[in-house]
Structures are given as C-alpha cells and as structure tokens.
Amino acid sequence: MPVHTLSAADTLRRLQDFHAIIDARSEDEHALDHLPGAVNWPTLNNVERATIGTLYKQVNAFEAKKRGAAIAARNIAGHIEKHALDKARDWKPLVYCWRGGNRSGALATILSAIGFQVSLVDGGYKAWRAAMVADLPTQAGRLHYRVICGPTGSGKTRLLQHLEQQGAQVLDLEALACHRSSVLGHIPGVAQPSQKRFDSLVWDRLRRFDDKRPVFVESESKKVGNLRVPDALIEAMRASPCIDLQLPDEERVALLMEDYDFFVKDPDFFCRRLEALTELRGKMTVGSWVTDVREGRTAEVVMDLLRRHYDPTYAASIRRNFVRYGEATPLFMPDRSSGAFETAARQLLQTGG
C-alpha cells in the first residue's frame, strides 16, 4: 500500500482522522515540541542522531547514511514489535520527522509495506509549525472571549477552574505555561515548556473551542513567565468584554498563602525571589520584606506586597491595555471558599458571562 503524502495545511485540519500520530525524531526534538497527541518513535535516538551527524560532517554523507540506515532499521523493528503487532489492517498512522525526509520516510515505507494506511507530513514538523503559526491568528480571531480581571490574589485562576468544572470553555494560559505570571510566579521544580511547545498548546486548545460559545480567559500580560502569548490572541483578549473580580484584602492574602504555600514552607526561597524586586522597590523596602519573612511575618509581607507593588502595577496595566475594562461587569466575592467560587461561576454562566 503506497504512503499518502499530506501537506502541512491539510494536516492541521485532519489531525483527528488518524489512529496515531508518530514523531520519528529524537527524544529531545520531541520534547521541545511536537504535533498534538504525537507519540515518539525515534528512528535515531539522541545519541545516535549526534553520532550520525558527526559522521556526516567529518567523513561523508554516504558513510553516514549507511550507518544511519542500519541503526534506523533496528530501531524501527523494535517500535513495530512493541507498538504495532496488535494493530489491525485498517490502522491509520500519520508519520513525520523534522523535514519529512529519511527518518519518517523509512518508518512510513515499512509500515506501508506491512499494509497499514500510512500518511506522511510533507515537509515534516518544520512545515507543520509554519502552517500552525500562520493559522494561530485565524483560530484566535474566530472566538469571542470573556476576560476575568481582578487584582493579584482575587482568585482569577480559581474562578476559571470552577467555570471549567461547570462546562464552560476555558483557556488557562498559566496552566499551559506552567507559570503564575508574575515576578514571583515561578513554580518550584516545574520547568516552563519551550516557546514552540507553548504556541502549539495554545493553538491546539483554541482549535477545539466552539465559536458559538464564549471562552473565559484571565487578563494576562504579553508574557507568562518567559513565554510570549501569541500576538493575535493577546490583541483579541484586550478588545474583549471584562469581568472585574473583587475579593476582600484579608481573603486575598489568605488565598495567596494557600496557592503559594511553597513560599510559606521555604522562607529562604521566598526571600531569594523577593530580591528580584530590588530594582523596582529599592533595597530598603525589599530588605524590610526579607527581614519580616525570616521572622515569620509572611502574611504581613504579602499584604504589603499587594498594596505597594502588585495592586498599583495591576491597576495601571489593566486600564492601559484592556480597552473595555471601564465597562467591566463587577463580580464581588464574599470570601475565598469553594462554595463562593462555585456560585460565582454558575451566575456567570447563567447570564452568559
């Protein structure tokens, strides 16, 4: 059965047509980014790819191809034995590598020779990413958003979570970025994805949304940690209707102490992160915060951070960037309880956001 070649643009529209999407690149290439739902069957693993690349440069292409073909054949045999022996004749995999060349071509040829209905991405991941990036503005622009605004600690993420639990369409950019979107937003032990991976995750989320229903999203800045939100998406968000979430200050402090409990448990880590604010707030202020944290007055430091740093910064940014914030729908929360957020989410859905 011949291998069917699929353009990158067609691949975007037909991802759901395949029983499996197989990335024939190395483990590191796959980890950096991959097509949505792709599994990794390396034709050459990390070490093998480096070895063949060195041989290609230092000896010649012919010797590199011979050695590479021998390694690839063994690896492909292993993948088939491990993953494909239980597949029926009508199994339809989509295969790709970096540019749709030797690595995916070899795997696709063998799978096709078995009798599987194999498709190959023309131009590989490189072409697919270009098509995906070009499609991002279309996906971002076809949807209508409800932007959850509110100062730090007001519970925007919690509200999004309760909205999603009740069936709303939610785009949680901080969850996709593995970051809480502030100077202190780094999550210990959790690395952010690459920019390419973040772009792919955002695109994949957007394409699944129903354009007849609103998408709830938090009022993010252009960057979430080290990652940049796609321009078309941030522009669409900033032109959208807003919801102004408000929570009493004492409840905000308590919420932040819960959500950032790793700072409470590790005062030294909190102090190191506070030092990143020295340029903005000065050595004396930051030094005072550090002293208070080390002496157990973390809640007082959080309240001071809100009033002296986060609230003024957020107020200026939200009014400057979100053009419809002045007409935002107010949403006052009595407390940070799960019941209060559940009620708020239900009211938003009943009124259409």
Protein backbone atom coordinates (compact mmCIF):
# COMPACT_ATOMS: atom_id res chain seq x y z
CA MET A 1 0.00 0.00 0.00
CA PRO A 2 1.53 3.37 -1.03
CA VAL A 3 2.35 6.08 1.50
CA HIS A 4 -0.02 9.04 1.24
CA THR A 5 1.69 12.43 1.47
CA LEU A 6 -0.25 15.14 3.27
CA SER A 7 0.52 18.86 3.13
CA ALA A 8 1.14 20.71 6.37
CA ALA A 9 -2.01 22.79 5.85
CA ASP A 10 -4.12 19.67 5.36
CA THR A 11 -2.51 18.12 8.41
CA LEU A 12 -3.81 20.98 10.57
CA ARG A 13 -7.37 20.19 9.55
CA ARG A 14 -7.13 16.41 9.66
CA LEU A 15 -5.35 15.55 12.90
CA GLN A 16 -8.46 13.82 14.18
CA ASP A 17 -8.54 11.46 11.17
CA PHE A 18 -5.63 9.31 12.34
CA HIS A 19 -5.44 6.49 14.85
CA ALA A 20 -1.94 7.59 15.86
CA ILE A 21 0.43 10.47 15.16
CA ILE A 22 4.04 9.24 15.21
CA ASP A 23 7.04 11.53 15.68
CA ALA A 24 10.10 9.78 14.22
CA ARG A 25 12.53 12.40 15.57
CA SER A 26 14.80 12.00 18.60
CA GLU A 27 13.59 12.29 22.19
CA ASP A 28 14.98 15.82 22.63
CA GLU A 29 13.36 17.07 19.43
CA HIS A 30 10.04 15.58 20.52
CA ALA A 31 10.30 17.14 23.99
CA LEU A 32 10.95 20.59 22.53
CA ASP A 33 7.66 20.44 20.63
CA HIS A 34 5.52 18.03 18.66
CA LEU A 35 2.19 17.72 16.91
CA PRO A 36 -0.79 17.43 19.28
CA GLY A 37 -1.10 13.93 20.66
CA ALA A 38 2.03 12.64 18.93
CA VAL A 39 3.88 9.63 20.32
CA ASN A 40 7.64 9.36 19.94
CA TRP A 41 9.14 6.50 17.90
CA PRO A 42 12.73 7.72 17.38
CA THR A 43 14.25 6.41 14.18
CA LEU A 44 17.53 7.64 15.67
CA ASN A 45 17.68 8.44 19.38
CA ASN A 46 19.54 11.41 20.84
CA VAL A 47 22.95 9.73 20.96
CA GLU A 48 22.56 8.01 17.60
CA ARG A 49 21.48 11.21 15.88
CA ALA A 50 24.55 13.03 17.23
CA THR A 51 26.84 10.19 16.16
CA ILE A 52 25.46 10.08 12.61
CA GLY A 53 25.61 13.85 12.37
CA THR A 54 29.28 13.83 13.33
CA LEU A 55 29.98 11.08 10.81
CA TYR A 56 28.20 13.11 8.13
CA LYS A 57 30.37 16.16 8.79
CA GLN A 58 33.71 14.51 9.47
CA VAL A 59 33.63 11.64 6.94
CA ASN A 60 30.96 11.92 4.25
CA ALA A 61 27.24 11.59 3.61
CA PHE A 62 27.46 8.09 2.12
CA GLU A 63 29.13 6.56 5.18
CA ALA A 64 26.72 8.38 7.46
CA LYS A 65 23.71 7.11 5.53
CA LYS A 66 24.93 3.50 5.62
CA ARG A 67 25.46 3.59 9.37
CA GLY A 68 22.25 5.53 9.93
CA ALA A 69 20.21 3.09 7.86
CA ALA A 70 21.47 0.12 9.90
CA ILE A 71 20.60 1.82 13.19
CA ALA A 72 17.23 3.06 11.89
CA ALA A 73 16.26 -0.42 10.69
CA ARG A 74 16.92 -1.90 14.13
CA ASN A 75 15.01 0.88 15.88
CA ILE A 76 12.02 0.65 13.53
CA ALA A 77 11.89 -3.11 14.05
CA GLY A 78 11.79 -2.51 17.79
CA HIS A 79 8.97 0.02 17.51
CA ILE A 80 6.90 -2.33 15.35
CA GLU A 81 7.40 -5.22 17.78
CA LYS A 82 6.50 -3.03 20.75
CA HIS A 83 3.67 -0.92 19.35
CA ALA A 84 2.28 -2.26 16.06
CA LEU A 85 1.89 -6.02 16.24
CA ASP A 86 -1.59 -5.69 17.74
CA LYS A 87 -2.81 -3.19 15.12
CA ALA A 88 -5.45 -4.15 12.55
CA ARG A 89 -5.06 -3.71 8.79
CA ASP A 90 -7.18 -0.52 8.84
CA TRP A 91 -4.85 1.23 11.32
CA LYS A 92 -4.12 4.75 10.02
CA PRO A 93 -0.97 6.38 11.42
CA LEU A 94 0.37 9.81 10.49
CA VAL A 95 4.18 9.94 10.49
CA TYR A 96 6.58 12.88 10.46
CA CYS A 97 10.14 13.90 11.28
CA TRP A 98 11.99 17.23 11.06
CA ARG A 99 11.55 17.84 7.33
CA GLY A 100 9.70 14.73 6.17
CA GLY A 101 12.87 13.08 4.90
CA ASN A 102 14.84 9.96 5.68
CA ARG A 103 13.75 9.25 9.24
CA SER A 104 9.98 9.44 8.77
CA GLY A 105 10.24 8.18 5.20
CA ALA A 106 11.91 4.95 6.31
CA LEU A 107 9.35 4.34 9.04
CA ALA A 108 6.42 5.17 6.75
CA THR A 109 7.71 2.90 3.98
CA ILE A 110 7.98 -0.12 6.28
CA LEU A 111 4.61 0.47 7.92
CA SER A 112 3.04 0.85 4.49
CA ALA A 113 4.70 -2.33 3.24
CA ILE A 114 3.06 -4.19 6.13
CA GLY A 115 -0.30 -2.97 4.83
CA PHE A 116 -1.16 -0.11 7.16
CA GLN A 117 -2.77 3.05 5.77
CA VAL A 118 0.13 5.43 6.33
CA SER A 119 0.23 9.18 5.75
CA LEU A 120 3.39 11.30 5.80
CA VAL A 121 3.56 15.02 6.58
CA ASP A 122 5.15 16.74 3.59
CA GLY A 123 7.93 18.95 4.94
CA GLY A 124 7.71 17.37 8.38
CA TYR A 125 7.50 19.23 11.67
CA LYS A 126 9.18 22.31 10.18
CA ALA A 127 6.41 22.77 7.61
CA TRP A 128 3.71 21.89 10.13
CA ARG A 129 4.91 24.53 12.60
CA ALA A 130 4.95 27.20 9.89
CA ALA A 131 1.38 26.29 8.95
CA MET A 132 0.30 26.23 12.61
CA VAL A 133 1.83 29.65 13.35
CA ALA A 134 0.08 31.06 10.27
CA ASP A 135 -3.21 29.56 11.47
CA LEU A 136 -2.97 30.90 15.03
CA PRO A 137 -4.46 34.34 14.18
CA THR A 138 -7.41 32.63 12.47
CA GLN A 139 -8.10 30.44 15.48
CA ALA A 140 -7.72 33.33 17.93
CA GLY A 141 -9.88 35.64 15.83
CA ARG A 142 -12.85 33.32 15.29
CA LEU A 143 -13.64 33.14 19.04
CA HIS A 144 -15.20 35.60 21.46
CA TYR A 145 -13.74 35.99 24.95
CA ARG A 146 -14.77 36.97 28.46
CA VAL A 147 -11.72 38.27 30.30
CA ILE A 148 -11.52 37.65 34.05
CA CYS A 149 -9.84 40.71 35.54
CA GLY A 150 -9.01 41.43 39.15
CA PRO A 151 -6.02 42.28 41.34
CA THR A 152 -3.47 39.71 42.43
CA GLY A 153 -4.96 37.18 44.83
CA SER A 154 -8.57 37.80 43.85
CA GLY A 155 -8.94 34.20 42.67
CA LYS A 156 -8.99 34.53 38.88
CA THR A 157 -7.50 31.07 38.36
CA ARG A 158 -9.87 29.51 40.88
CA LEU A 159 -12.82 31.07 39.08
CA LEU A 160 -11.57 29.69 35.76
CA GLN A 161 -11.30 26.24 37.31
CA HIS A 162 -14.86 26.37 38.63
CA LEU A 163 -16.12 27.64 35.28
CA GLU A 164 -14.46 24.71 33.53
CA GLN A 165 -15.91 22.27 36.05
CA GLN A 166 -19.35 23.58 35.15
CA GLY A 167 -18.82 23.07 31.43
CA ALA A 168 -17.55 26.47 30.32
CA GLN A 169 -14.87 26.88 27.65
CA VAL A 170 -11.73 27.98 29.50
CA LEU A 171 -8.31 28.98 28.22
CA ASP A 172 -5.91 28.76 31.17
CA LEU A 173 -2.72 30.27 29.80
CA GLU A 174 -0.89 29.99 33.12
CA ALA A 175 -1.56 26.24 33.25
CA LEU A 176 -0.28 25.83 29.68
CA ALA A 177 2.79 27.94 30.50
CA CYS A 178 3.47 26.25 33.87
CA HIS A 179 3.83 29.67 35.49
CA ARG A 180 1.71 32.00 37.62
CA SER A 181 2.52 35.07 35.58
CA SER A 182 4.37 37.41 37.92
CA VAL A 183 7.86 38.04 39.22
CA LEU A 184 7.06 35.55 41.98
CA GLY A 185 5.13 33.23 39.67
CA HIS A 186 7.78 30.56 39.08
CA ILE A 187 6.58 27.16 40.35
CA PRO A 188 9.44 25.32 42.11
CA GLY A 189 10.54 22.16 40.34
CA VAL A 190 8.37 22.82 37.29
CA ALA A 191 10.07 23.92 34.07
CA GLN A 192 8.22 26.04 31.56
CA PRO A 193 7.74 24.50 28.11
CA SER A 194 9.62 25.89 25.15
CA GLN A 195 8.06 28.80 23.27
CA LYS A 196 7.35 26.44 20.37
CA ARG A 197 5.60 24.00 22.68
CA PHE A 198 3.55 26.78 24.27
CA ASP A 199 2.46 28.02 20.84
CA SER A 200 1.37 24.50 19.89
CA LEU A 201 -0.53 24.01 23.15
CA VAL A 202 -2.36 27.32 22.71
CA TRP A 203 -3.24 26.55 19.08
CA ASP A 204 -4.45 23.07 19.99
CA ARG A 205 -6.67 24.49 22.73
CA LEU A 206 -8.09 27.24 20.53
CA ARG A 207 -8.95 24.93 17.63
CA ARG A 208 -11.12 22.77 19.90
CA PHE A 209 -13.36 25.61 21.09
CA ASP A 210 -16.89 26.17 19.77
CA ASP A 211 -17.08 29.68 18.30
CA LYS A 212 -20.76 29.92 19.29
CA ARG A 213 -19.86 29.91 23.00
CA PRO A 214 -17.66 32.34 24.95
CA VAL A 215 -14.14 31.46 26.02
CA PHE A 216 -13.20 32.55 29.54
CA VAL A 217 -9.59 33.67 29.97
CA GLU A 218 -7.56 35.55 32.56
CA SER A 219 -6.28 39.09 31.92
CA GLU A 220 -2.70 38.09 31.20
CA SER A 221 0.11 40.35 30.11
CA LYS A 222 2.02 39.70 26.89
CA LYS A 223 4.34 37.32 28.72
CA VAL A 224 3.63 34.48 31.12
CA GLY A 225 6.97 33.92 32.78
CA ASN A 226 9.44 33.57 29.92
CA LEU A 227 6.79 32.76 27.32
CA ARG A 228 5.10 35.18 24.97
CA VAL A 229 1.36 34.95 24.35
CA PRO A 230 0.67 34.92 20.58
CA ASP A 231 0.06 38.48 19.37
CA ALA A 232 -3.30 37.76 17.73
CA LEU A 233 -4.62 36.19 20.92
CA ILE A 234 -3.50 38.97 23.25
CA GLU A 235 -4.99 41.56 20.89
CA ALA A 236 -8.32 39.72 20.81
CA MET A 237 -8.33 39.40 24.60
CA ARG A 238 -7.60 43.08 25.10
CA ALA A 239 -10.56 44.07 22.93
CA SER A 240 -13.00 41.77 24.75
CA PRO A 241 -15.60 42.34 27.50
CA CYS A 242 -14.22 42.14 31.01
CA ILE A 243 -15.39 40.77 34.37
CA ASP A 244 -13.96 42.60 37.40
CA LEU A 245 -13.39 40.04 40.16
CA GLN A 246 -13.01 41.50 43.65
CA LEU A 247 -12.16 39.78 46.93
CA PRO A 248 -11.57 41.40 50.38
CA ASP A 249 -7.89 42.10 51.07
CA GLU A 250 -7.64 39.71 54.04
CA GLU A 251 -9.12 36.94 51.90
CA ARG A 252 -6.68 37.72 49.09
CA VAL A 253 -3.74 37.33 51.48
CA ALA A 254 -5.13 34.02 52.77
CA LEU A 255 -5.72 32.78 49.22
CA LEU A 256 -2.17 33.64 48.19
CA MET A 257 -0.77 31.92 51.28
CA GLU A 258 -2.65 28.80 50.16
CA ASP A 259 -1.76 28.97 46.48
CA TYR A 260 1.89 29.87 47.13
CA ASP A 261 2.35 27.60 50.14
CA PHE A 262 5.85 26.72 48.92
CA PHE A 263 6.91 30.25 49.87
CA VAL A 264 5.49 29.76 53.36
CA LYS A 265 7.26 26.40 53.71
CA ASP A 266 10.57 27.68 52.30
CA PRO A 267 11.25 31.24 53.54
CA ASP A 268 14.75 31.25 52.02
CA PHE A 269 13.30 30.60 48.56
CA PHE A 270 10.72 33.37 49.10
CA CYS A 271 13.48 35.79 50.10
CA ARG A 272 15.53 34.96 47.03
CA ARG A 273 12.51 35.63 44.81
CA LEU A 274 11.78 38.91 46.59
CA GLU A 275 15.25 40.13 45.68
CA ALA A 276 14.10 40.24 42.05
CA LEU A 277 12.00 43.28 43.06
CA THR A 278 15.00 45.28 44.32
CA GLU A 279 15.32 47.37 41.17
CA LEU A 280 11.62 48.31 41.28
CA ARG A 281 11.11 48.77 45.03
CA GLY A 282 14.59 49.57 46.32
CA LYS A 283 16.99 47.82 48.66
CA MET A 284 15.45 49.24 51.83
CA THR A 285 11.92 48.05 51.08
CA VAL A 286 12.98 44.62 49.87
CA GLY A 287 15.36 44.28 52.81
CA SER A 288 12.50 45.01 55.19
CA TRP A 289 10.35 42.37 53.49
CA VAL A 290 13.15 39.80 53.74
CA THR A 291 13.61 40.52 57.46
CA ASP A 292 9.89 40.16 58.11
CA VAL A 293 9.71 36.86 56.22
CA ARG A 294 12.66 35.44 58.16
CA GLU A 295 10.97 36.49 61.41
CA GLY A 296 7.72 34.74 60.49
CA ARG A 297 5.65 37.73 59.38
CA THR A 298 4.95 36.35 55.90
CA ALA A 299 1.27 37.34 55.84
CA GLU A 300 2.19 40.96 56.61
CA VAL A 301 4.72 40.92 53.78
CA VAL A 302 2.12 39.54 51.37
CA MET A 303 -0.32 42.32 52.31
CA ASP A 304 2.39 44.95 51.84
CA LEU A 305 3.38 43.43 48.51
CA LEU A 306 -0.20 43.71 47.33
CA ARG A 307 -0.72 47.30 48.42
CA ARG A 308 2.69 48.71 47.47
CA HIS A 309 3.62 46.65 44.42
CA TYR A 310 1.04 44.41 42.81
CA ASP A 311 -2.13 46.49 43.12
CA PRO A 312 -0.72 49.77 41.70
CA THR A 313 1.06 47.91 38.91
CA TYR A 314 -2.01 45.87 38.01
CA ALA A 315 -4.38 48.85 38.10
CA ALA A 316 -2.21 50.83 35.69
CA SER A 317 -1.70 47.89 33.36
CA ILE A 318 -5.32 46.74 33.19
CA ARG A 319 -6.68 50.18 32.35
CA ARG A 320 -3.97 50.82 29.79
CA ASN A 321 -4.26 47.50 27.96
CA PHE A 322 -7.84 46.23 28.27
CA VAL A 323 -9.90 48.83 26.48
CA ARG A 324 -13.27 47.61 27.81
CA TYR A 325 -12.26 47.36 31.44
CA GLY A 326 -14.05 50.61 32.22
CA GLU A 327 -17.36 48.88 31.46
CA ALA A 328 -16.44 45.63 33.20
CA THR A 329 -19.14 43.58 34.91
CA PRO A 330 -18.42 43.67 38.67
CA LEU A 331 -18.18 40.36 40.49
CA PHE A 332 -17.81 40.73 44.26
CA MET A 333 -16.74 37.63 46.19
CA PRO A 334 -17.58 37.47 49.92
CA ASP A 335 -14.74 35.02 50.64
CA ARG A 336 -12.33 32.56 49.04
CA SER A 337 -14.39 29.45 49.76
CA SER A 338 -15.04 26.85 47.08
CA GLY A 339 -18.76 27.43 47.50
CA ALA A 340 -18.41 31.14 46.78
CA PHE A 341 -16.47 30.48 43.57
CA GLU A 342 -18.89 27.77 42.52
CA THR A 343 -21.80 30.17 42.94
CA ALA A 344 -19.98 32.91 41.05
CA ALA A 345 -19.20 30.57 38.15
CA ARG A 346 -22.80 29.42 37.96
CA GLN A 347 -24.07 33.02 37.92
CA LEU A 348 -21.66 33.94 35.13
CA LEU A 349 -22.81 31.03 33.00
CA GLN A 350 -26.48 31.79 33.64
CA THR A 351 -26.01 35.36 32.47
CA GLY A 352 -23.80 34.42 29.52
CA GLY A 353 -20.65 35.84 31.09
